[in-house]
Amino acid sequence: ARVKAHLKRTTSNNENYTYKNLIVDYKGRKVTINDKEVNLTPKEYELLTYFIKNKGIALSREQLLNNVWDYDYYGDDRTVDTHIKRVISKFSLIPLQLLR
């Protein structure tokens, strides 16, 4: 599972994901909006990229824990909620007109 997770983090078909003024640089592991970098923790970054790669799919906490935190995570499953709140709060600091 650890090798699979490492390969998942280091291999990517595309180097960037772009949505309007949002750019996710997979190779550099950076997220920018209007050329301003959004500071995400490594886990927040992995969560965001997992959501991007699975857009349009409803994901359960268990799926997120298994794929973002890996199978060896034994903590509380509500940590997913906390990390999602943190990502949302970091993006809510950015004016919405920048994403239009």
Protein backbone atom coordinates (compact mmCIF):
# COMPACT_ATOMS: atom_id res chain seq x y z
CA ALA A 1 0.00 0.00 0.00
CA ARG A 2 2.86 2.38 0.76
CA VAL A 3 4.53 1.73 -2.60
CA LYS A 4 1.18 2.25 -4.35
CA ALA A 5 0.66 5.54 -2.51
CA HIS A 6 4.18 6.71 -3.37
CA LEU A 7 3.69 5.88 -7.05
CA LYS A 8 0.33 7.63 -7.02
CA ARG A 9 1.97 10.81 -5.68
CA THR A 10 4.94 10.75 -8.06
CA THR A 11 3.30 9.80 -11.36
CA SER A 12 0.82 11.90 -13.24
CA ASN A 13 -0.36 12.04 -16.84
CA ASN A 14 -0.80 15.81 -16.81
CA GLU A 15 1.55 18.35 -15.32
CA ASN A 16 -1.15 20.98 -14.66
CA TYR A 17 -4.86 21.21 -13.98
CA THR A 18 -6.45 24.52 -14.94
CA TYR A 19 -9.91 25.81 -14.13
CA LYS A 20 -10.41 29.46 -15.00
CA ASN A 21 -7.78 31.28 -12.86
CA LEU A 22 -6.98 28.24 -10.71
CA ILE A 23 -3.85 26.26 -11.62
CA VAL A 24 -2.71 23.09 -9.89
CA ASP A 25 0.89 22.25 -10.76
CA TYR A 26 1.15 18.51 -10.13
CA LYS A 27 4.89 18.36 -10.72
CA GLY A 28 5.67 21.31 -8.44
CA ARG A 29 2.84 20.44 -6.00
CA LYS A 30 1.65 24.07 -6.03
CA VAL A 31 -1.80 25.65 -6.28
CA THR A 32 -2.16 29.19 -7.60
CA ILE A 33 -5.05 31.54 -8.24
CA ASN A 34 -4.30 34.61 -10.35
CA ASP A 35 -0.57 33.94 -9.92
CA LYS A 36 -0.93 33.98 -6.10
CA GLU A 37 0.09 30.76 -4.41
CA VAL A 38 -2.39 29.11 -2.04
CA ASN A 39 -0.49 27.60 0.87
CA LEU A 40 -1.77 24.08 1.46
CA THR A 41 -0.37 21.42 3.74
CA PRO A 42 0.73 18.22 1.98
CA LYS A 43 -2.45 16.41 3.08
CA GLU A 44 -4.68 19.31 1.98
CA TYR A 45 -2.93 19.28 -1.40
CA GLU A 46 -3.44 15.52 -1.77
CA LEU A 47 -7.10 15.89 -0.80
CA LEU A 48 -7.64 18.67 -3.35
CA THR A 49 -5.96 16.75 -6.15
CA TYR A 50 -7.95 13.63 -5.28
CA PHE A 51 -11.16 15.65 -5.59
CA ILE A 52 -10.00 17.05 -8.94
CA LYS A 53 -9.15 13.61 -10.30
CA ASN A 54 -12.54 12.29 -9.16
CA LYS A 55 -14.71 15.27 -10.07
CA GLY A 56 -18.37 14.47 -10.47
CA ILE A 57 -18.15 11.44 -8.17
CA ALA A 58 -19.62 11.37 -4.65
CA LEU A 59 -16.86 10.14 -2.36
CA SER A 60 -17.32 8.64 1.09
CA ARG A 61 -15.08 9.34 4.06
CA GLU A 62 -13.87 5.75 3.83
CA GLN A 63 -12.83 6.20 0.20
CA LEU A 64 -10.97 9.41 1.08
CA LEU A 65 -9.23 7.78 4.04
CA ASN A 66 -8.20 4.78 1.95
CA ASN A 67 -6.92 6.81 -0.98
CA VAL A 68 -5.58 10.00 0.56
CA TRP A 69 -4.54 8.82 4.03
CA ASP A 70 -3.77 5.27 2.84
CA TYR A 71 -4.85 2.01 4.39
CA ASP A 72 -2.63 2.28 7.46
CA TYR A 73 -4.53 5.25 8.96
CA TYR A 74 -6.16 4.31 12.27
CA GLY A 75 -7.42 7.70 13.50
CA ASP A 76 -10.87 9.23 13.58
CA ASP A 77 -12.68 9.36 10.24
CA ARG A 78 -13.87 12.89 11.06
CA THR A 79 -10.37 14.15 10.27
CA VAL A 80 -11.57 14.19 6.65
CA ASP A 81 -14.18 16.81 7.59
CA THR A 82 -11.56 18.95 9.30
CA HIS A 83 -9.21 18.87 6.33
CA ILE A 84 -12.02 19.70 3.90
CA LYS A 85 -13.02 22.67 6.08
CA ARG A 86 -9.42 23.92 6.05
CA VAL A 87 -9.17 23.69 2.26
CA ILE A 88 -12.50 25.49 1.85
CA SER A 89 -11.45 28.21 4.28
CA LYS A 90 -8.21 28.81 2.39
CA PHE A 91 -10.12 29.18 -0.86
CA SER A 92 -12.83 31.34 0.72
CA LEU A 93 -10.18 33.97 1.44
CA ILE A 94 -9.88 34.45 -2.31
CA PRO A 95 -12.49 36.75 -3.86
CA LEU A 96 -14.92 34.78 -6.03
CA GLN A 97 -14.46 37.11 -9.00
CA LEU A 98 -10.92 35.71 -9.37
CA LEU A 99 -12.41 32.32 -10.27
CA ARG A 100 -14.70 33.72 -12.95
